[in-house]
Amino acid sequence: MTSFDAAWRHFYPAVPPLSFVMRQAALPFVRFHYLPGSKRYAETDAEYECIIQRLSALGRIVFDAGEDCWIVRCESPFGGGSKQRTAARSKFMELHPCKPSTRIGEIRLEDEKAIWSAHAARCSWDFSSSRQLLSAIADDMTDGNDWTLWFSAGSGRVYAPYDGGIDIFSNSADWIESLRDSFPDWLSEDVSGL
């Protein structure tokens, strides 16, 4: 497998691995919500199961089982928060394979003075081994201070969960449209698609 930087630049030469920046760059993407009615957080076991089911179904479409990919974590320079949030973030970091030793560089966004710290680790796609981490993201254990995504160096597809749903990116607008059509009930009712 090539280096992360070379693989990323091959598909996304003009944007960093931050899903909100990728959306702003008008790359082909679709956003799916975790819960009906665009509800953001699960409150019942049935809602948690719905989130897991949707994440798993989308993961099977984006990646082949065992596919070589990269997991990327971009750490926001805007830390802080309550002791409870700090403890949750500490738990999140225990689950995340991107440790300080996997640092690949810095990201400076044009409209911000802050510098994001980027980390990437090679992995094989396996939903069951990622389930706890995905649940932590869905529960917003990062308090918005870390953005995680999985990236296929083979297809260029990006699987970017957040605390309300998941953004899927691809270089193929047709593939994104087909994916969007496959799960219409999981889409936002907002005209923006967000």
N, C-alpha and C. Protein backbone atom coordinates (compact mmCIF):
# COMPACT_ATOMS: atom_id res chain seq x y z
N MET A 1 0.86 -1.19 0.00
CA MET A 1 0.00 0.00 0.00
C MET A 1 0.89 1.24 0.00
N THR A 2 0.52 2.22 -0.78
CA THR A 2 1.30 3.45 -0.84
C THR A 2 1.13 4.24 0.44
N SER A 3 1.92 5.31 0.56
CA SER A 3 1.79 6.16 1.73
C SER A 3 0.43 6.84 1.73
N PHE A 4 -0.01 7.25 2.90
CA PHE A 4 -1.31 7.91 2.98
C PHE A 4 -1.32 9.17 2.12
N ASP A 5 -0.31 10.00 2.25
CA ASP A 5 -0.29 11.27 1.49
C ASP A 5 -0.41 11.03 -0.01
N ALA A 6 0.33 10.08 -0.54
CA ALA A 6 0.28 9.80 -1.98
C ALA A 6 -1.10 9.29 -2.38
N ALA A 7 -1.66 8.40 -1.59
CA ALA A 7 -2.98 7.85 -1.91
C ALA A 7 -4.05 8.93 -1.84
N TRP A 8 -4.00 9.76 -0.81
CA TRP A 8 -5.00 10.81 -0.65
C TRP A 8 -4.91 11.83 -1.80
N ARG A 9 -3.70 12.26 -2.10
CA ARG A 9 -3.51 13.26 -3.17
C ARG A 9 -3.96 12.73 -4.53
N HIS A 10 -3.87 11.40 -4.72
CA HIS A 10 -4.30 10.81 -5.99
C HIS A 10 -5.80 11.07 -6.22
N PHE A 11 -6.60 10.98 -5.16
CA PHE A 11 -8.04 11.17 -5.30
C PHE A 11 -8.51 12.57 -4.92
N TYR A 12 -7.87 13.18 -3.94
CA TYR A 12 -8.33 14.46 -3.41
C TYR A 12 -7.15 15.43 -3.29
N PRO A 13 -6.58 15.87 -4.41
CA PRO A 13 -5.37 16.69 -4.36
C PRO A 13 -5.57 18.08 -3.76
N ALA A 14 -6.80 18.58 -3.74
CA ALA A 14 -7.00 19.97 -3.31
C ALA A 14 -7.64 20.11 -1.94
N VAL A 15 -7.94 19.00 -1.25
CA VAL A 15 -8.62 19.11 0.04
C VAL A 15 -7.97 18.21 1.08
N PRO A 16 -7.99 18.63 2.34
CA PRO A 16 -7.47 17.79 3.41
C PRO A 16 -8.52 16.74 3.81
N PRO A 17 -8.13 15.75 4.58
CA PRO A 17 -9.05 14.69 5.00
C PRO A 17 -9.96 15.14 6.16
N LEU A 18 -10.72 16.18 5.93
CA LEU A 18 -11.72 16.68 6.88
C LEU A 18 -13.05 16.72 6.14
N SER A 19 -14.03 15.96 6.60
CA SER A 19 -15.27 15.83 5.84
C SER A 19 -15.99 17.16 5.64
N PHE A 20 -15.95 18.05 6.63
CA PHE A 20 -16.66 19.33 6.45
C PHE A 20 -15.98 20.18 5.38
N VAL A 21 -14.68 20.06 5.22
CA VAL A 21 -13.97 20.78 4.16
C VAL A 21 -14.26 20.11 2.81
N MET A 22 -14.34 18.79 2.80
CA MET A 22 -14.65 18.08 1.56
C MET A 22 -16.04 18.46 1.06
N ARG A 23 -16.99 18.59 1.96
CA ARG A 23 -18.35 19.02 1.55
C ARG A 23 -18.32 20.42 0.96
N GLN A 24 -17.58 21.32 1.59
CA GLN A 24 -17.49 22.70 1.11
C GLN A 24 -16.83 22.77 -0.27
N ALA A 25 -16.00 21.79 -0.58
CA ALA A 25 -15.32 21.77 -1.88
C ALA A 25 -16.20 21.19 -2.98
N ALA A 26 -17.43 20.88 -2.65
CA ALA A 26 -18.43 20.38 -3.61
C ALA A 26 -18.01 19.06 -4.26
N LEU A 27 -17.36 18.20 -3.47
CA LEU A 27 -17.04 16.87 -3.97
C LEU A 27 -18.31 16.01 -3.94
N PRO A 28 -18.42 15.01 -4.81
CA PRO A 28 -19.60 14.14 -4.78
C PRO A 28 -19.72 13.44 -3.42
N PHE A 29 -20.84 13.66 -2.75
CA PHE A 29 -21.05 13.02 -1.45
C PHE A 29 -22.54 12.87 -1.19
N VAL A 30 -22.84 12.03 -0.23
CA VAL A 30 -24.20 11.88 0.26
C VAL A 30 -24.12 11.78 1.78
N ARG A 31 -25.08 12.39 2.45
CA ARG A 31 -25.18 12.31 3.91
C ARG A 31 -26.38 11.46 4.27
N PHE A 32 -26.13 10.49 5.13
CA PHE A 32 -27.19 9.67 5.68
C PHE A 32 -27.30 9.96 7.17
N HIS A 33 -28.53 10.02 7.65
CA HIS A 33 -28.75 10.24 9.08
C HIS A 33 -28.87 8.91 9.79
N TYR A 34 -28.46 8.89 11.04
CA TYR A 34 -28.48 7.66 11.83
C TYR A 34 -29.90 7.22 12.17
N LEU A 35 -30.77 8.19 12.42
CA LEU A 35 -32.08 7.86 12.96
C LEU A 35 -33.19 8.51 12.15
N PRO A 36 -34.37 7.90 12.14
CA PRO A 36 -35.51 8.50 11.44
C PRO A 36 -35.78 9.92 11.92
N GLY A 37 -36.27 10.74 11.00
CA GLY A 37 -36.59 12.12 11.35
C GLY A 37 -35.36 12.97 11.62
N SER A 38 -34.18 12.50 11.20
CA SER A 38 -32.92 13.20 11.42
C SER A 38 -32.62 13.43 12.90
N LYS A 39 -33.15 12.58 13.74
CA LYS A 39 -32.83 12.66 15.18
C LYS A 39 -31.33 12.44 15.34
N ARG A 40 -30.70 13.24 16.18
CA ARG A 40 -29.24 13.23 16.26
C ARG A 40 -28.68 12.14 17.17
N TYR A 41 -29.25 11.94 18.35
CA TYR A 41 -28.68 11.01 19.31
C TYR A 41 -29.68 9.93 19.71
N ALA A 42 -29.17 8.72 19.92
CA ALA A 42 -30.00 7.60 20.36
C ALA A 42 -30.31 7.74 21.84
N GLU A 43 -31.53 7.36 22.19
CA GLU A 43 -31.95 7.37 23.59
C GLU A 43 -32.41 6.01 24.07
N THR A 44 -32.63 5.08 23.14
CA THR A 44 -33.11 3.75 23.50
C THR A 44 -32.22 2.70 22.85
N ASP A 45 -32.34 1.46 23.33
CA ASP A 45 -31.58 0.37 22.73
C ASP A 45 -31.95 0.19 21.26
N ALA A 46 -33.23 0.35 20.94
CA ALA A 46 -33.69 0.20 19.55
C ALA A 46 -33.04 1.28 18.67
N GLU A 47 -32.91 2.49 19.18
CA GLU A 47 -32.27 3.55 18.40
C GLU A 47 -30.78 3.28 18.22
N TYR A 48 -30.11 2.78 19.28
CA TYR A 48 -28.70 2.42 19.13
C TYR A 48 -28.54 1.31 18.09
N GLU A 49 -29.44 0.35 18.09
CA GLU A 49 -29.38 -0.73 17.11
C GLU A 49 -29.60 -0.21 15.70
N CYS A 50 -30.47 0.77 15.54
CA CYS A 50 -30.70 1.39 14.23
C CYS A 50 -29.42 2.05 13.72
N ILE A 51 -28.72 2.75 14.60
CA ILE A 51 -27.46 3.40 14.22
C ILE A 51 -26.45 2.36 13.75
N ILE A 52 -26.28 1.30 14.53
CA ILE A 52 -25.32 0.25 14.20
C ILE A 52 -25.69 -0.41 12.88
N GLN A 53 -26.97 -0.67 12.69
CA GLN A 53 -27.44 -1.31 11.46
C GLN A 53 -27.12 -0.45 10.24
N ARG A 54 -27.36 0.85 10.34
CA ARG A 54 -27.09 1.75 9.22
C ARG A 54 -25.59 1.87 8.95
N LEU A 55 -24.80 2.01 10.00
CA LEU A 55 -23.35 2.10 9.82
C LEU A 55 -22.80 0.83 9.17
N SER A 56 -23.29 -0.32 9.61
CA SER A 56 -22.84 -1.60 9.07
C SER A 56 -23.24 -1.75 7.61
N ALA A 57 -24.50 -1.44 7.29
CA ALA A 57 -24.97 -1.56 5.90
C ALA A 57 -24.16 -0.68 4.96
N LEU A 58 -23.90 0.55 5.38
CA LEU A 58 -23.13 1.46 4.53
C LEU A 58 -21.67 1.02 4.42
N GLY A 59 -21.12 0.53 5.52
CA GLY A 59 -19.74 0.04 5.48
C GLY A 59 -19.57 -1.10 4.50
N ARG A 60 -20.56 -2.01 4.42
CA ARG A 60 -20.49 -3.13 3.48
C ARG A 60 -20.54 -2.67 2.02
N ILE A 61 -21.17 -1.53 1.78
CA ILE A 61 -21.26 -1.02 0.41
C ILE A 61 -20.00 -0.23 0.04
N VAL A 62 -19.49 0.53 0.97
CA VAL A 62 -18.32 1.37 0.70
C VAL A 62 -17.05 0.54 0.59
N PHE A 63 -16.90 -0.46 1.46
CA PHE A 63 -15.68 -1.27 1.50
C PHE A 63 -16.00 -2.75 1.36
N ASP A 64 -15.08 -3.49 0.77
CA ASP A 64 -15.15 -4.93 0.81
C ASP A 64 -14.64 -5.39 2.17
N ALA A 65 -15.13 -6.53 2.65
CA ALA A 65 -14.64 -7.06 3.92
C ALA A 65 -13.14 -7.26 3.83
N GLY A 66 -12.42 -6.75 4.81
CA GLY A 66 -10.97 -6.89 4.84
C GLY A 66 -10.20 -5.99 3.89
N GLU A 67 -10.90 -5.07 3.22
CA GLU A 67 -10.24 -4.17 2.26
C GLU A 67 -9.20 -3.31 2.98
N ASP A 68 -8.04 -3.17 2.35
CA ASP A 68 -7.01 -2.29 2.89
C ASP A 68 -7.48 -0.85 2.79
N CYS A 69 -7.39 -0.16 3.89
CA CYS A 69 -7.78 1.25 3.89
C CYS A 69 -6.98 1.99 4.95
N TRP A 70 -7.27 3.24 5.09
CA TRP A 70 -6.65 4.10 6.08
C TRP A 70 -7.73 4.62 7.00
N ILE A 71 -7.41 4.70 8.27
CA ILE A 71 -8.26 5.42 9.20
C ILE A 71 -7.52 6.71 9.55
N VAL A 72 -8.23 7.81 9.47
CA VAL A 72 -7.62 9.12 9.64
C VAL A 72 -8.32 9.85 10.78
N ARG A 73 -7.53 10.49 11.61
CA ARG A 73 -8.08 11.32 12.69
C ARG A 73 -7.43 12.69 12.60
N CYS A 74 -8.26 13.70 12.52
CA CYS A 74 -7.77 15.08 12.53
C CYS A 74 -8.21 15.71 13.84
N GLU A 75 -7.24 16.13 14.60
CA GLU A 75 -7.48 16.68 15.93
C GLU A 75 -7.59 18.19 15.86
N SER A 76 -8.71 18.68 16.34
CA SER A 76 -8.95 20.11 16.35
C SER A 76 -8.06 20.80 17.36
N PRO A 77 -7.64 22.01 17.05
CA PRO A 77 -6.87 22.79 18.02
C PRO A 77 -7.76 23.40 19.09
N PHE A 78 -9.08 23.24 18.94
CA PHE A 78 -10.03 23.85 19.88
C PHE A 78 -10.45 22.84 20.92
N GLY A 79 -9.58 22.55 21.86
CA GLY A 79 -9.85 21.56 22.90
C GLY A 79 -10.61 22.15 24.06
N GLY A 80 -10.52 21.46 25.17
CA GLY A 80 -11.17 21.95 26.38
C GLY A 80 -12.47 21.23 26.64
N GLY A 81 -13.26 21.80 27.55
CA GLY A 81 -14.54 21.19 27.89
C GLY A 81 -14.57 20.76 29.34
N SER A 82 -15.70 20.23 29.74
CA SER A 82 -15.91 19.82 31.12
C SER A 82 -15.09 18.57 31.44
N LYS A 83 -14.99 18.25 32.74
CA LYS A 83 -14.29 17.03 33.14
C LYS A 83 -14.97 15.80 32.55
N GLN A 84 -16.30 15.83 32.47
CA GLN A 84 -17.05 14.72 31.90
C GLN A 84 -16.69 14.55 30.42
N ARG A 85 -16.63 15.64 29.68
CA ARG A 85 -16.28 15.57 28.26
C ARG A 85 -14.83 15.14 28.10
N THR A 86 -13.95 15.60 28.98
CA THR A 86 -12.55 15.20 28.91
C THR A 86 -12.41 13.70 29.14
N ALA A 87 -13.17 13.16 30.08
CA ALA A 87 -13.14 11.72 30.34
C ALA A 87 -13.67 10.94 29.14
N ALA A 88 -14.73 11.44 28.52
CA ALA A 88 -15.29 10.78 27.33
C ALA A 88 -14.28 10.80 26.20
N ARG A 89 -13.60 11.91 26.01
CA ARG A 89 -12.61 12.01 24.94
C ARG A 89 -11.43 11.08 25.22
N SER A 90 -11.07 10.92 26.49
CA SER A 90 -10.00 10.01 26.86
C SER A 90 -10.38 8.57 26.48
N LYS A 91 -11.63 8.21 26.73
CA LYS A 91 -12.12 6.88 26.36
C LYS A 91 -12.09 6.72 24.84
N PHE A 92 -12.50 7.76 24.13
CA PHE A 92 -12.47 7.74 22.67
C PHE A 92 -11.04 7.46 22.18
N MET A 93 -10.07 8.13 22.76
CA MET A 93 -8.68 7.97 22.33
C MET A 93 -8.18 6.55 22.61
N GLU A 94 -8.67 5.91 23.67
CA GLU A 94 -8.29 4.52 23.93
C GLU A 94 -8.76 3.61 22.80
N LEU A 95 -9.93 3.91 22.23
CA LEU A 95 -10.50 3.10 21.17
C LEU A 95 -9.87 3.35 19.81
N HIS A 96 -9.30 4.53 19.62
CA HIS A 96 -8.85 4.96 18.30
C HIS A 96 -7.46 4.41 17.97
N PRO A 97 -7.29 3.83 16.77
CA PRO A 97 -5.97 3.32 16.41
C PRO A 97 -4.97 4.41 16.03
N CYS A 98 -5.43 5.64 15.81
CA CYS A 98 -4.52 6.73 15.46
C CYS A 98 -4.00 7.37 16.74
N LYS A 99 -2.81 6.98 17.10
CA LYS A 99 -2.15 7.49 18.30
C LYS A 99 -1.17 8.60 17.89
N PRO A 100 -0.59 9.30 18.87
CA PRO A 100 0.38 10.35 18.52
C PRO A 100 1.50 9.86 17.59
N SER A 101 1.85 8.58 17.69
CA SER A 101 2.92 8.04 16.85
C SER A 101 2.52 7.92 15.38
N THR A 102 1.23 8.06 15.07
CA THR A 102 0.77 7.93 13.68
C THR A 102 0.60 9.31 13.03
N ARG A 103 1.17 10.33 13.63
CA ARG A 103 1.00 11.70 13.11
C ARG A 103 1.61 11.81 11.73
N ILE A 104 0.83 12.38 10.80
CA ILE A 104 1.32 12.53 9.42
C ILE A 104 1.52 13.98 9.03
N GLY A 105 1.11 14.91 9.87
CA GLY A 105 1.33 16.30 9.53
C GLY A 105 0.30 17.22 10.12
N GLU A 106 0.30 18.43 9.57
CA GLU A 106 -0.61 19.47 10.05
C GLU A 106 -1.49 19.96 8.91
N ILE A 107 -2.66 20.44 9.29
CA ILE A 107 -3.58 21.02 8.31
C ILE A 107 -3.91 22.43 8.77
N ARG A 108 -3.67 23.38 7.90
CA ARG A 108 -4.03 24.77 8.19
C ARG A 108 -5.10 25.16 7.19
N LEU A 109 -6.29 25.47 7.69
CA LEU A 109 -7.38 25.89 6.82
C LEU A 109 -7.23 27.37 6.51
N GLU A 110 -7.58 27.74 5.29
CA GLU A 110 -7.38 29.12 4.83
C GLU A 110 -8.06 30.15 5.72
N ASP A 111 -9.27 29.87 6.18
CA ASP A 111 -10.03 30.86 6.94
C ASP A 111 -9.81 30.76 8.45
N GLU A 112 -8.88 29.92 8.88
CA GLU A 112 -8.59 29.77 10.30
C GLU A 112 -7.11 29.96 10.56
N LYS A 113 -6.80 30.45 11.73
CA LYS A 113 -5.40 30.58 12.12
C LYS A 113 -4.92 29.30 12.79
N ALA A 114 -5.88 28.50 13.27
CA ALA A 114 -5.53 27.29 14.00
C ALA A 114 -4.97 26.22 13.08
N ILE A 115 -4.17 25.34 13.68
CA ILE A 115 -3.57 24.24 12.95
C ILE A 115 -4.13 22.93 13.49
N TRP A 116 -4.64 22.10 12.59
CA TRP A 116 -5.16 20.78 12.94
C TRP A 116 -4.01 19.78 12.88
N SER A 117 -4.01 18.81 13.77
CA SER A 117 -3.01 17.75 13.77
C SER A 117 -3.63 16.52 13.11
N ALA A 118 -2.98 15.99 12.06
CA ALA A 118 -3.51 14.86 11.31
C ALA A 118 -2.74 13.58 11.61
N HIS A 119 -3.50 12.49 11.77
CA HIS A 119 -2.94 11.17 12.05
C HIS A 119 -3.57 10.18 11.09
N ALA A 120 -2.81 9.18 10.66
CA ALA A 120 -3.37 8.14 9.78
C ALA A 120 -2.72 6.81 10.12
N ALA A 121 -3.54 5.76 10.09
CA ALA A 121 -3.05 4.41 10.35
C ALA A 121 -3.65 3.46 9.32
N ARG A 122 -2.86 2.55 8.82
CA ARG A 122 -3.36 1.54 7.89
C ARG A 122 -4.24 0.57 8.67
N CYS A 123 -5.26 0.07 7.99
CA CYS A 123 -6.12 -0.93 8.61
C CYS A 123 -6.80 -1.74 7.52
N SER A 124 -7.43 -2.80 7.92
CA SER A 124 -8.29 -3.58 7.04
C SER A 124 -9.71 -3.34 7.51
N TRP A 125 -10.61 -3.03 6.57
CA TRP A 125 -11.98 -2.73 6.97
C TRP A 125 -12.62 -3.95 7.61
N ASP A 126 -13.08 -3.74 8.83
CA ASP A 126 -13.79 -4.78 9.57
C ASP A 126 -14.76 -4.06 10.49
N PHE A 127 -16.04 -4.11 10.16
CA PHE A 127 -17.03 -3.37 10.94
C PHE A 127 -17.03 -3.79 12.39
N SER A 128 -16.95 -5.08 12.66
CA SER A 128 -17.06 -5.54 14.05
C SER A 128 -15.93 -4.99 14.92
N SER A 129 -14.72 -4.88 14.36
CA SER A 129 -13.62 -4.33 15.17
C SER A 129 -13.70 -2.81 15.28
N SER A 130 -14.47 -2.17 14.42
CA SER A 130 -14.63 -0.71 14.46
C SER A 130 -15.89 -0.28 15.21
N ARG A 131 -16.70 -1.22 15.61
CA ARG A 131 -18.02 -0.91 16.18
C ARG A 131 -17.94 0.01 17.39
N GLN A 132 -17.06 -0.28 18.33
CA GLN A 132 -16.97 0.57 19.53
C GLN A 132 -16.56 1.99 19.17
N LEU A 133 -15.60 2.12 18.28
CA LEU A 133 -15.16 3.45 17.86
C LEU A 133 -16.30 4.19 17.16
N LEU A 134 -17.02 3.51 16.28
CA LEU A 134 -18.15 4.13 15.59
C LEU A 134 -19.24 4.55 16.56
N SER A 135 -19.49 3.73 17.57
CA SER A 135 -20.47 4.09 18.61
C SER A 135 -20.02 5.32 19.38
N ALA A 136 -18.72 5.40 19.66
CA ALA A 136 -18.19 6.56 20.37
C ALA A 136 -18.36 7.83 19.55
N ILE A 137 -18.16 7.73 18.24
CA ILE A 137 -18.36 8.88 17.36
C ILE A 137 -19.82 9.27 17.34
N ALA A 138 -20.71 8.28 17.23
CA ALA A 138 -22.15 8.56 17.22
C ALA A 138 -22.61 9.22 18.51
N ASP A 139 -21.97 8.87 19.63
CA ASP A 139 -22.29 9.47 20.93
C ASP A 139 -21.58 10.78 21.17
N ASP A 140 -20.82 11.26 20.19
CA ASP A 140 -20.06 12.51 20.28
C ASP A 140 -19.09 12.52 21.45
N MET A 141 -18.38 11.42 21.63
CA MET A 141 -17.39 11.35 22.71
C MET A 141 -16.21 12.27 22.45
N THR A 142 -16.08 12.78 21.23
CA THR A 142 -14.97 13.68 20.92
C THR A 142 -15.34 15.14 21.19
N ASP A 143 -16.60 15.39 21.47
CA ASP A 143 -17.09 16.75 21.69
C ASP A 143 -16.76 17.65 20.49
N GLY A 144 -16.76 17.05 19.31
CA GLY A 144 -16.50 17.82 18.09
C GLY A 144 -15.05 18.19 17.88
N ASN A 145 -14.15 17.67 18.71
CA ASN A 145 -12.75 18.06 18.62
C ASN A 145 -11.89 17.13 17.77
N ASP A 146 -12.46 16.02 17.34
CA ASP A 146 -11.74 15.10 16.48
C ASP A 146 -12.67 14.68 15.35
N TRP A 147 -12.13 14.60 14.16
CA TRP A 147 -12.88 14.13 12.98
C TRP A 147 -12.19 12.88 12.48
N THR A 148 -12.96 11.81 12.35
CA THR A 148 -12.42 10.53 11.92
C THR A 148 -13.06 10.13 10.61
N LEU A 149 -12.26 9.53 9.75
CA LEU A 149 -12.81 8.95 8.52
C LEU A 149 -11.98 7.75 8.13
N TRP A 150 -12.60 6.88 7.34
CA TRP A 150 -11.92 5.74 6.73
C TRP A 150 -11.83 6.05 5.24
N PHE A 151 -10.70 5.68 4.63
CA PHE A 151 -10.43 6.02 3.24
C PHE A 151 -9.85 4.81 2.52
N SER A 152 -10.43 4.45 1.38
CA SER A 152 -9.91 3.37 0.55
C SER A 152 -8.93 3.94 -0.45
N ALA A 153 -7.68 3.49 -0.37
CA ALA A 153 -6.68 3.94 -1.34
C ALA A 153 -6.93 3.32 -2.71
N GLY A 154 -7.73 2.25 -2.78
CA GLY A 154 -8.04 1.61 -4.05
C GLY A 154 -9.15 2.31 -4.80
N SER A 155 -10.25 2.59 -4.12
CA SER A 155 -11.42 3.20 -4.79
C SER A 155 -11.53 4.70 -4.56
N GLY A 156 -10.86 5.21 -3.53
CA GLY A 156 -10.98 6.63 -3.19
C GLY A 156 -12.22 6.94 -2.36
N ARG A 157 -13.01 5.93 -2.04
CA ARG A 157 -14.22 6.18 -1.25
C ARG A 157 -13.87 6.54 0.18
N VAL A 158 -14.68 7.43 0.74
CA VAL A 158 -14.47 7.91 2.11
C VAL A 158 -15.74 7.68 2.91
N TYR A 159 -15.57 7.15 4.10
CA TYR A 159 -16.64 6.81 5.05
C TYR A 159 -16.39 7.69 6.27
N ALA A 160 -17.20 8.72 6.44
CA ALA A 160 -16.91 9.75 7.45
C ALA A 160 -18.07 9.92 8.42
N PRO A 161 -18.09 9.14 9.51
CA PRO A 161 -19.18 9.27 10.48
C PRO A 161 -19.01 10.51 11.34
N TYR A 162 -20.11 10.99 11.86
CA TYR A 162 -20.11 12.10 12.80
C TYR A 162 -21.24 11.83 13.80
N ASP A 163 -21.54 12.77 14.66
CA ASP A 163 -22.50 12.52 15.74
C ASP A 163 -23.95 12.74 15.33
N GLY A 164 -24.31 12.38 14.14
CA GLY A 164 -25.70 12.48 13.70
C GLY A 164 -25.93 11.66 12.45
N GLY A 165 -24.84 11.19 11.86
CA GLY A 165 -24.96 10.42 10.64
C GLY A 165 -23.61 10.13 10.04
N ILE A 166 -23.61 9.97 8.74
CA ILE A 166 -22.38 9.63 8.06
C ILE A 166 -22.37 10.26 6.67
N ASP A 167 -21.24 10.83 6.31
CA ASP A 167 -21.02 11.36 4.97
C ASP A 167 -20.19 10.34 4.20
N ILE A 168 -20.61 10.05 2.97
CA ILE A 168 -19.88 9.15 2.09
C ILE A 168 -19.44 9.97 0.88
N PHE A 169 -18.15 9.87 0.55
CA PHE A 169 -17.58 10.59 -0.60
C PHE A 169 -17.04 9.59 -1.61
N SER A 170 -17.05 10.00 -2.86
CA SER A 170 -16.47 9.21 -3.95
C SER A 170 -16.15 10.16 -5.09
N ASN A 171 -15.20 9.77 -5.93
CA ASN A 171 -14.93 10.57 -7.13
C ASN A 171 -16.02 10.39 -8.17
N SER A 172 -16.84 9.36 -8.01
CA SER A 172 -17.89 9.06 -8.97
C SER A 172 -19.23 9.63 -8.52
N ALA A 173 -19.68 10.66 -9.20
CA ALA A 173 -21.00 11.23 -8.89
C ALA A 173 -22.11 10.22 -9.17
N ASP A 174 -21.93 9.37 -10.18
CA ASP A 174 -22.93 8.35 -10.48
C ASP A 174 -23.05 7.33 -9.34
N TRP A 175 -21.90 6.93 -8.79
CA TRP A 175 -21.91 5.97 -7.68
C TRP A 175 -22.60 6.59 -6.46
N ILE A 176 -22.31 7.85 -6.18
CA ILE A 176 -22.95 8.55 -5.06
C ILE A 176 -24.46 8.63 -5.29
N GLU A 177 -24.87 8.94 -6.50
CA GLU A 177 -26.31 9.02 -6.82
C GLU A 177 -26.99 7.67 -6.62
N SER A 178 -26.34 6.62 -7.04
CA SER A 178 -26.87 5.27 -6.87
C SER A 178 -26.99 4.92 -5.38
N LEU A 179 -26.00 5.28 -4.61
CA LEU A 179 -26.03 5.04 -3.17
C LEU A 179 -27.17 5.84 -2.53
N ARG A 180 -27.30 7.09 -2.91
CA ARG A 180 -28.38 7.95 -2.41
C ARG A 180 -29.74 7.30 -2.70
N ASP A 181 -29.91 6.79 -3.90
CA ASP A 181 -31.18 6.17 -4.30
C ASP A 181 -31.45 4.87 -3.55
N SER A 182 -30.42 4.22 -3.04
CA SER A 182 -30.58 2.94 -2.34
C SER A 182 -31.19 3.09 -0.96
N PHE A 183 -31.03 4.25 -0.33
CA PHE A 183 -31.49 4.44 1.04
C PHE A 183 -32.22 5.78 1.20
N PRO A 184 -33.30 5.99 0.47
CA PRO A 184 -33.96 7.30 0.50
C PRO A 184 -34.53 7.67 1.87
N ASP A 185 -34.89 6.68 2.66
CA ASP A 185 -35.46 6.97 3.98
C ASP A 185 -34.42 7.42 4.99
N TRP A 186 -33.15 7.29 4.65
CA TRP A 186 -32.08 7.68 5.56
C TRP A 186 -31.57 9.08 5.27
N LEU A 187 -32.11 9.72 4.24
CA LEU A 187 -31.66 11.05 3.84
C LEU A 187 -32.35 12.14 4.64
N SER A 188 -31.72 13.30 4.68
CA SER A 188 -32.33 14.46 5.30
C SER A 188 -33.47 14.97 4.42
N GLU A 189 -34.48 15.51 5.04
CA GLU A 189 -35.56 16.13 4.28
C GLU A 189 -35.21 17.55 3.87
N ASP A 190 -34.13 18.09 4.41
CA ASP A 190 -33.68 19.44 4.07
C ASP A 190 -33.17 19.45 2.63
N VAL A 191 -33.49 20.49 1.91
CA VAL A 191 -33.09 20.61 0.51
C VAL A 191 -31.58 20.58 0.32
N SER A 192 -30.83 21.00 1.32
CA SER A 192 -29.36 21.00 1.24
C SER A 192 -28.78 19.58 1.32
N GLY A 193 -29.58 18.65 1.81
CA GLY A 193 -29.09 17.29 2.00
C GLY A 193 -28.37 17.09 3.31
N LEU A 194 -28.24 18.15 4.09
CA LEU A 194 -27.54 18.05 5.39
C LEU A 194 -28.50 17.84 6.53
